[in-house]
PDB file of N, CA and C in Angstrom:
ATOM      1  N   MET A   1     -14.017  -5.252   6.561  1.00  0.00           N
ATOM      2  CA  MET A   1     -13.264  -6.382   7.057  1.00  0.00           C
ATOM      3  C   MET A   1     -11.883  -5.908   7.474  1.00  0.00           C
ATOM      4  N   THR A   2     -11.438  -6.321   8.642  1.00  0.00           N
ATOM      5  CA  THR A   2     -10.120  -5.944   9.138  1.00  0.00           C
ATOM      6  C   THR A   2      -9.105  -6.991   8.716  1.00  0.00           C
ATOM      7  N   GLU A   3      -7.984  -6.533   8.183  1.00  0.00           N
ATOM      8  CA  GLU A   3      -6.917  -7.431   7.753  1.00  0.00           C
ATOM      9  C   GLU A   3      -6.000  -7.732   8.930  1.00  0.00           C
ATOM     10  N   PRO A   4      -5.389  -8.917   8.957  1.00  0.00           N
ATOM     11  CA  PRO A   4      -4.401  -9.195   9.998  1.00  0.00           C
ATOM     12  C   PRO A   4      -3.267  -8.173   9.924  1.00  0.00           C
ATOM     13  N   ALA A   5      -2.613  -7.927  11.065  1.00  0.00           N
ATOM     14  CA  ALA A   5      -1.561  -6.915  11.130  1.00  0.00           C
ATOM     15  C   ALA A   5      -0.364  -7.247  10.247  1.00  0.00           C
ATOM     16  N   ASP A   6      -0.194  -8.523   9.877  1.00  0.00           N
ATOM     17  CA  ASP A   6       0.972  -8.895   9.071  1.00  0.00           C
ATOM     18  C   ASP A   6       0.632  -9.011   7.590  1.00  0.00           C
ATOM     19  N   HIS A   7      -0.470  -8.404   7.180  1.00  0.00           N
ATOM     20  CA  HIS A   7      -0.929  -8.558   5.800  1.00  0.00           C
ATOM     21  C   HIS A   7      -1.304  -7.200   5.218  1.00  0.00           C
ATOM     22  N   THR A   8      -0.822  -6.912   4.028  1.00  0.00           N
ATOM     23  CA  THR A   8      -1.303  -5.712   3.345  1.00  0.00           C
ATOM     24  C   THR A   8      -2.417  -6.130   2.400  1.00  0.00           C
ATOM     25  N   TYR A   9      -3.373  -5.265   2.256  1.00  0.00           N
ATOM     26  CA  TYR A   9      -4.552  -5.534   1.442  1.00  0.00           C
ATOM     27  C   TYR A   9      -4.206  -5.454  -0.040  1.00  0.00           C
ATOM     28  N   ALA A  10      -4.520  -6.485  -0.780  1.00  0.00           N
ATOM     29  CA  ALA A  10      -4.349  -6.476  -2.231  1.00  0.00           C
ATOM     30  C   ALA A  10      -5.715  -6.193  -2.841  1.00  0.00           C
ATOM     31  N   THR A  11      -5.771  -5.196  -3.703  1.00  0.00           N
ATOM     32  CA  THR A  11      -7.047  -4.813  -4.291  1.00  0.00           C
ATOM     33  C   THR A  11      -6.957  -4.887  -5.808  1.00  0.00           C
ATOM     34  N   ARG A  12      -8.087  -4.869  -6.423  1.00  0.00           N
ATOM     35  CA  ARG A  12      -8.149  -4.859  -7.883  1.00  0.00           C
ATOM     36  C   ARG A  12      -8.943  -3.636  -8.307  1.00  0.00           C
ATOM     37  N   PHE A  13      -8.561  -3.062  -9.424  1.00  0.00           N
ATOM     38  CA  PHE A  13      -9.327  -1.964  -9.983  1.00  0.00           C
ATOM     39  C   PHE A  13      -9.208  -2.023 -11.491  1.00  0.00           C
ATOM     40  N   ARG A  14     -10.131  -1.381 -12.149  1.00  0.00           N
ATOM     41  CA  ARG A  14     -10.146  -1.408 -13.613  1.00  0.00           C
ATOM     42  C   ARG A  14      -9.366  -0.227 -14.165  1.00  0.00           C
ATOM     43  N   ILE A  15      -8.527  -0.526 -15.144  1.00  0.00           N
ATOM     44  CA  ILE A  15      -7.742   0.493 -15.834  1.00  0.00           C
ATOM     45  C   ILE A  15      -7.434  -0.077 -17.220  1.00  0.00           C
ATOM     46  N   PRO A  16      -7.482   0.740 -18.253  1.00  0.00           N
ATOM     47  CA  PRO A  16      -7.128   0.203 -19.561  1.00  0.00           C
ATOM     48  C   PRO A  16      -5.702  -0.363 -19.543  1.00  0.00           C
ATOM     49  N   ARG A  17      -5.527  -1.536 -20.126  1.00  0.00           N
ATOM     50  CA  ARG A  17      -4.233  -2.214 -20.132  1.00  0.00           C
ATOM     51  C   ARG A  17      -3.135  -1.308 -20.681  1.00  0.00           C
ATOM     52  N   ARG A  18      -3.426  -0.582 -21.752  1.00  0.00           N
ATOM     53  CA  ARG A  18      -2.404   0.287 -22.351  1.00  0.00           C
ATOM     54  C   ARG A  18      -1.965   1.380 -21.377  1.00  0.00           C
ATOM     55  N   MET A  19      -2.925   1.896 -20.583  1.00  0.00           N
ATOM     56  CA  MET A  19      -2.594   2.919 -19.602  1.00  0.00           C
ATOM     57  C   MET A  19      -1.722   2.315 -18.500  1.00  0.00           C
ATOM     58  N   TRP A  20      -2.088   1.126 -18.017  1.00  0.00           N
ATOM     59  CA  TRP A  20      -1.322   0.452 -16.973  1.00  0.00           C
ATOM     60  C   TRP A  20       0.101   0.152 -17.455  1.00  0.00           C
ATOM     61  N   ASP A  21       0.204  -0.328 -18.686  1.00  0.00           N
ATOM     62  CA  ASP A  21       1.525  -0.636 -19.250  1.00  0.00           C
ATOM     63  C   ASP A  21       2.370   0.629 -19.408  1.00  0.00           C
ATOM     64  N   ALA A  22       1.750   1.706 -19.885  1.00  0.00           N
ATOM     65  CA  ALA A  22       2.476   2.971 -20.043  1.00  0.00           C
ATOM     66  C   ALA A  22       2.908   3.505 -18.678  1.00  0.00           C
ATOM     67  N   TYR A  23       2.052   3.371 -17.690  1.00  0.00           N
ATOM     68  CA  TYR A  23       2.401   3.775 -16.327  1.00  0.00           C
ATOM     69  C   TYR A  23       3.601   2.963 -15.833  1.00  0.00           C
ATOM     70  N   GLY A  24       3.588   1.673 -16.108  1.00  0.00           N
ATOM     71  CA  GLY A  24       4.686   0.807 -15.687  1.00  0.00           C
ATOM     72  C   GLY A  24       6.006   1.184 -16.320  1.00  0.00           C
ATOM     73  N   THR A  25       6.017   1.438 -17.617  1.00  0.00           N
ATOM     74  CA  THR A  25       7.276   1.787 -18.271  1.00  0.00           C
ATOM     75  C   THR A  25       7.750   3.173 -17.867  1.00  0.00           C
ATOM     76  N   ALA A  26       6.816   4.125 -17.727  1.00  0.00           N
ATOM     77  CA  ALA A  26       7.195   5.471 -17.289  1.00  0.00           C
ATOM     78  C   ALA A  26       7.720   5.438 -15.854  1.00  0.00           C
ATOM     79  N   ALA A  27       7.069   4.668 -14.995  1.00  0.00           N
ATOM     80  CA  ALA A  27       7.510   4.554 -13.606  1.00  0.00           C
ATOM     81  C   ALA A  27       8.886   3.907 -13.534  1.00  0.00           C
ATOM     82  N   ALA A  28       9.081   2.831 -14.276  1.00  0.00           N
ATOM     83  CA  ALA A  28      10.377   2.142 -14.267  1.00  0.00           C
ATOM     84  C   ALA A  28      11.490   3.067 -14.759  1.00  0.00           C
ATOM     85  N   ARG A  29      11.217   3.798 -15.810  1.00  0.00           N
ATOM     86  CA  ARG A  29      12.211   4.717 -16.360  1.00  0.00           C
ATOM     87  C   ARG A  29      12.570   5.804 -15.343  1.00  0.00           C
ATOM     88  N   SER A  30      11.596   6.159 -14.510  1.00  0.00           N
ATOM     89  CA  SER A  30      11.806   7.190 -13.499  1.00  0.00           C
ATOM     90  C   SER A  30      12.328   6.614 -12.190  1.00  0.00           C
ATOM     91  N   GLY A  31      12.494   5.289 -12.138  1.00  0.00           N
ATOM     92  CA  GLY A  31      12.961   4.651 -10.913  1.00  0.00           C
ATOM     93  C   GLY A  31      11.905   4.594  -9.826  1.00  0.00           C
ATOM     94  N   VAL A  32      10.639   4.558 -10.241  1.00  0.00           N
ATOM     95  CA  VAL A  32       9.513   4.572  -9.303  1.00  0.00           C
ATOM     96  C   VAL A  32       8.833   3.209  -9.319  1.00  0.00           C
ATOM     97  N   ASP A  33       8.495   2.715  -8.141  1.00  0.00           N
ATOM     98  CA  ASP A  33       7.719   1.487  -8.014  1.00  0.00           C
ATOM     99  C   ASP A  33       6.238   1.853  -8.089  1.00  0.00           C
ATOM    100  N   ARG A  34       5.493   1.184  -8.967  1.00  0.00           N
ATOM    101  CA  ARG A  34       4.074   1.520  -9.139  1.00  0.00           C
ATOM    102  C   ARG A  34       3.292   1.408  -7.841  1.00  0.00           C
ATOM    103  N   SER A  35       3.517   0.350  -7.086  1.00  0.00           N
ATOM    104  CA  SER A  35       2.767   0.174  -5.841  1.00  0.00           C
ATOM    105  C   SER A  35       3.051   1.315  -4.865  1.00  0.00           C
ATOM    106  N   ALA A  36       4.318   1.642  -4.693  1.00  0.00           N
ATOM    107  CA  ALA A  36       4.678   2.739  -3.788  1.00  0.00           C
ATOM    108  C   ALA A  36       4.091   4.060  -4.282  1.00  0.00           C
ATOM    109  N   ASP A  37       4.098   4.267  -5.596  1.00  0.00           N
ATOM    110  CA  ASP A  37       3.551   5.494  -6.158  1.00  0.00           C
ATOM    111  C   ASP A  37       2.047   5.583  -5.912  1.00  0.00           C
ATOM    112  N   LEU A  38       1.348   4.468  -6.058  1.00  0.00           N
ATOM    113  CA  LEU A  38      -0.094   4.460  -5.804  1.00  0.00           C
ATOM    114  C   LEU A  38      -0.394   4.703  -4.336  1.00  0.00           C
ATOM    115  N   VAL A  39       0.398   4.091  -3.435  1.00  0.00           N
ATOM    116  CA  VAL A  39       0.206   4.330  -1.999  1.00  0.00           C
ATOM    117  C   VAL A  39       0.439   5.808  -1.691  1.00  0.00           C
ATOM    118  N   ASP A  40       1.474   6.395  -2.290  1.00  0.00           N
ATOM    119  CA  ASP A  40       1.737   7.830  -2.083  1.00  0.00           C
ATOM    120  C   ASP A  40       0.566   8.678  -2.559  1.00  0.00           C
ATOM    121  N   HIS A  41      -0.007   8.312  -3.701  1.00  0.00           N
ATOM    122  CA  HIS A  41      -1.156   9.057  -4.224  1.00  0.00           C
ATOM    123  C   HIS A  41      -2.341   8.973  -3.259  1.00  0.00           C
ATOM    124  N   VAL A  42      -2.634   7.764  -2.786  1.00  0.00           N
ATOM    125  CA  VAL A  42      -3.757   7.581  -1.864  1.00  0.00           C
ATOM    126  C   VAL A  42      -3.517   8.371  -0.582  1.00  0.00           C
ATOM    127  N   ARG A  43      -2.292   8.320  -0.061  1.00  0.00           N
ATOM    128  CA  ARG A  43      -1.937   9.062   1.153  1.00  0.00           C
ATOM    129  C   ARG A  43      -2.198  10.566   0.952  1.00  0.00           C
ATOM    130  N   THR A  44      -1.695  11.105  -0.145  1.00  0.00           N
ATOM    131  CA  THR A  44      -1.856  12.530  -0.433  1.00  0.00           C
ATOM    132  C   THR A  44      -3.329  12.898  -0.581  1.00  0.00           C
ATOM    133  N   PHE A  45      -4.095  12.057  -1.251  1.00  0.00           N
ATOM    134  CA  PHE A  45      -5.518  12.326  -1.440  1.00  0.00           C
ATOM    135  C   PHE A  45      -6.234  12.391  -0.096  1.00  0.00           C
ATOM    136  N   ILE A  46      -5.942  11.422   0.791  1.00  0.00           N
ATOM    137  CA  ILE A  46      -6.584  11.418   2.109  1.00  0.00           C
ATOM    138  C   ILE A  46      -6.158  12.644   2.908  1.00  0.00           C
ATOM    139  N   GLU A  47      -4.871  12.995   2.859  1.00  0.00           N
ATOM    140  CA  GLU A  47      -4.392  14.186   3.575  1.00  0.00           C
ATOM    141  C   GLU A  47      -5.112  15.442   3.110  1.00  0.00           C
ATOM    142  N   GLN A  48      -5.393  15.541   1.824  1.00  0.00           N
ATOM    143  CA  GLN A  48      -6.018  16.739   1.271  1.00  0.00           C
ATOM    144  C   GLN A  48      -7.535  16.752   1.407  1.00  0.00           C
ATOM    145  N   HIS A  49      -8.166  15.581   1.377  1.00  0.00           N
ATOM    146  CA  HIS A  49      -9.626  15.536   1.297  1.00  0.00           C
ATOM    147  C   HIS A  49     -10.296  14.740   2.410  1.00  0.00           C
ATOM    148  N   GLY A  50      -9.507  14.088   3.263  1.00  0.00           N
ATOM    149  CA  GLY A  50     -10.082  13.217   4.275  1.00  0.00           C
ATOM    150  C   GLY A  50     -10.716  13.977   5.427  1.00  0.00           C
ATOM    151  N   ASN A  51     -11.743  13.355   6.003  1.00  0.00           N
ATOM    152  CA  ASN A  51     -12.351  13.914   7.204  1.00  0.00           C
ATOM    153  C   ASN A  51     -11.574  13.401   8.421  1.00  0.00           C
ATOM    154  N   GLU A  52     -12.034  13.735   9.613  1.00  0.00           N
ATOM    155  CA  GLU A  52     -11.317  13.363  10.830  1.00  0.00           C
ATOM    156  C   GLU A  52     -11.125  11.851  10.950  1.00  0.00           C
ATOM    157  N   GLN A  53     -12.168  11.089  10.679  1.00  0.00           N
ATOM    158  CA  GLN A  53     -12.096   9.624  10.770  1.00  0.00           C
ATOM    159  C   GLN A  53     -11.116   9.064   9.732  1.00  0.00           C
ATOM    160  N   GLU A  54     -11.172   9.558   8.512  1.00  0.00           N
ATOM    161  CA  GLU A  54     -10.274   9.067   7.453  1.00  0.00           C
ATOM    162  C   GLU A  54      -8.822   9.420   7.755  1.00  0.00           C
ATOM    163  N   LEU A  55      -8.591  10.592   8.330  1.00  0.00           N
ATOM    164  CA  LEU A  55      -7.229  10.970   8.721  1.00  0.00           C
ATOM    165  C   LEU A  55      -6.725  10.094   9.864  1.00  0.00           C
ATOM    166  N   ALA A  56      -7.619   9.714  10.782  1.00  0.00           N
ATOM    167  CA  ALA A  56      -7.243   8.801  11.861  1.00  0.00           C
ATOM    168  C   ALA A  56      -6.902   7.418  11.292  1.00  0.00           C
ATOM    169  N   GLU A  57      -7.677   6.971  10.311  1.00  0.00           N
ATOM    170  CA  GLU A  57      -7.393   5.686   9.655  1.00  0.00           C
ATOM    171  C   GLU A  57      -6.054   5.741   8.933  1.00  0.00           C
ATOM    172  N   LEU A  58      -5.771   6.865   8.300  1.00  0.00           N
ATOM    173  CA  LEU A  58      -4.484   7.039   7.627  1.00  0.00           C
ATOM    174  C   LEU A  58      -3.343   6.959   8.636  1.00  0.00           C
ATOM    175  N   ALA A  59      -3.492   7.617   9.772  1.00  0.00           N
ATOM    176  CA  ALA A  59      -2.444   7.585  10.804  1.00  0.00           C
ATOM    177  C   ALA A  59      -2.223   6.154  11.299  1.00  0.00           C
ATOM    178  N   ALA A  60      -3.303   5.407  11.500  1.00  0.00           N
ATOM    179  CA  ALA A  60      -3.180   4.015  11.942  1.00  0.00           C
ATOM    180  C   ALA A  60      -2.505   3.168  10.874  1.00  0.00           C
ATOM    181  N   ALA A  61      -2.844   3.406   9.615  1.00  0.00           N
ATOM    182  CA  ALA A  61      -2.225   2.667   8.517  1.00  0.00           C
ATOM    183  C   ALA A  61      -0.743   2.990   8.397  1.00  0.00           C
ATOM    184  N   GLU A  62      -0.388   4.245   8.593  1.00  0.00           N
ATOM    185  CA  GLU A  62       1.026   4.638   8.547  1.00  0.00           C
ATOM    186  C   GLU A  62       1.801   3.935   9.659  1.00  0.00           C
ATOM    187  N   GLN A  63       1.198   3.833  10.858  1.00  0.00           N
ATOM    188  CA  GLN A  63       1.856   3.132  11.962  1.00  0.00           C
ATOM    189  C   GLN A  63       2.015   1.651  11.630  1.00  0.00           C
ATOM    190  N   GLU A  64       0.996   1.069  11.008  1.00  0.00           N
ATOM    191  CA  GLU A  64       1.065  -0.333  10.587  1.00  0.00           C
ATOM    192  C   GLU A  64       2.230  -0.545   9.622  1.00  0.00           C
ATOM    193  N   LEU A  65       2.372   0.352   8.659  1.00  0.00           N
ATOM    194  CA  LEU A  65       3.481   0.247   7.701  1.00  0.00           C
ATOM    195  C   LEU A  65       4.826   0.398   8.404  1.00  0.00           C
ATOM    196  N   THR A  66       4.922   1.337   9.323  1.00  0.00           N
ATOM    197  CA  THR A  66       6.162   1.542  10.071  1.00  0.00           C
ATOM    198  C   THR A  66       6.520   0.294  10.874  1.00  0.00           C
ATOM    199  N   ASP A  67       5.533  -0.274  11.557  1.00  0.00           N
ATOM    200  CA  ASP A  67       5.769  -1.485  12.342  1.00  0.00           C
ATOM    201  C   ASP A  67       6.205  -2.648  11.457  1.00  0.00           C
ATOM    202  N   ARG A  68       5.548  -2.799  10.332  1.00  0.00           N
ATOM    203  CA  ARG A  68       5.871  -3.905   9.424  1.00  0.00           C
ATOM    204  C   ARG A  68       7.298  -3.765   8.902  1.00  0.00           C
ATOM    205  N   ARG A  69       7.683  -2.551   8.545  1.00  0.00           N
ATOM    206  CA  ARG A  69       9.028  -2.328   8.011  1.00  0.00           C
ATOM    207  C   ARG A  69      10.105  -2.516   9.064  1.00  0.00           C
ATOM    208  N   ALA A  70       9.744  -2.326  10.320  1.00  0.00           N
ATOM    209  CA  ALA A  70      10.710  -2.433  11.416  1.00  0.00           C
ATOM    210  C   ALA A  70      10.969  -3.887  11.827  1.00  0.00           C
ATOM    211  N   ARG A  71      10.080  -4.794  11.456  1.00  0.00           N
ATOM    212  CA  ARG A  71      10.268  -6.190  11.841  1.00  0.00           C
ATOM    213  C   ARG A  71      11.519  -6.756  11.195  1.00  0.00           C
ATOM    214  N   LYS A  72      12.287  -7.460  11.966  1.00  0.00           N
ATOM    215  CA  LYS A  72      13.468  -8.121  11.403  1.00  0.00           C
ATOM    216  C   LYS A  72      13.005  -9.374  10.676  1.00  0.00           C
ATOM    217  N   GLY A  73      13.540  -9.602   9.507  1.00  0.00           N
ATOM    218  CA  GLY A  73      13.201 -10.805   8.753  1.00  0.00           C
ATOM    219  C   GLY A  73      11.914 -10.714   7.970  1.00  0.00           C
ATOM    220  N   GLY A  74      11.277  -9.569   7.938  1.00  0.00           N
ATOM    221  CA  GLY A  74      10.063  -9.412   7.130  1.00  0.00           C
ATOM    222  C   GLY A  74       8.861 -10.089   7.757  1.00  0.00           C
ATOM    223  N   ARG A  75       8.050 -10.728   6.927  1.00  0.00           N
ATOM    224  CA  ARG A  75       6.831 -11.380   7.404  1.00  0.00           C
ATOM    225  C   ARG A  75       7.137 -12.502   8.370  1.00  0.00           C
ATOM    226  N   PRO A  76       6.282 -12.675   9.370  1.00  0.00           N
ATOM    227  CA  PRO A  76       6.472 -13.824  10.272  1.00  0.00           C
ATOM    228  C   PRO A  76       6.342 -15.128   9.485  1.00  0.00           C
ATOM    229  N   LYS A  77       7.107 -16.119   9.893  1.00  0.00           N
ATOM    230  CA  LYS A  77       7.037 -17.416   9.227  1.00  0.00           C
ATOM    231  C   LYS A  77       5.726 -18.100   9.604  1.00  0.00           C
ATOM    232  N   LYS A  78       5.154 -18.811   8.624  1.00  0.00           N
ATOM    233  CA  LYS A  78       3.939 -19.577   8.889  1.00  0.00           C
ATOM    234  C   LYS A  78       4.307 -20.792   9.713  1.00  0.00           C
ATOM    235  N   GLY A  79       3.384 -21.201  10.543  1.00  0.00           N
ATOM    236  CA  GLY A  79       3.596 -22.395  11.352  1.00  0.00           C
ATOM    237  C   GLY A  79       3.566 -23.651  10.496  1.00  0.00           C
ATOM    238  N   PRO A  80       3.864 -24.789  11.064  1.00  0.00           N
ATOM    239  CA  PRO A  80       3.849 -26.033  10.297  1.00  0.00           C
ATOM    240  C   PRO A  80       2.459 -26.322   9.765  1.00  0.00           C
ATOM    241  N   ALA A  81       2.403 -26.921   8.591  1.00  0.00           N
ATOM    242  CA  ALA A  81       1.109 -27.249   7.963  1.00  0.00           C
ATOM    243  C   ALA A  81       0.411 -28.310   8.780  1.00  0.00           C
ATOM    244  N   ALA A  82      -0.904 -28.181   8.887  1.00  0.00           N
ATOM    245  CA  ALA A  82      -1.697 -29.150   9.665  1.00  0.00           C
ATOM    246  C   ALA A  82      -1.941 -30.397   8.872  1.00  0.00           C
TER     247      ALA A  82
END
């Protein structure tokens, strides 16, 4: 499924709560955002192990992130409710 260009995909995965909590406190103490750290890990993994198609997907995703960050005012405002 393709996500709209103004939306980042939110995913769920299983991890022991104690591990997640320890990761959170260690990351905070180090001044690291967990989400950014996980994105960095995924990026590095694809760079090291991805095939041509996966590397192309990574490049497209990086451009999407660059475009999103460049928008003034962040996310586009939603239109009036119907």
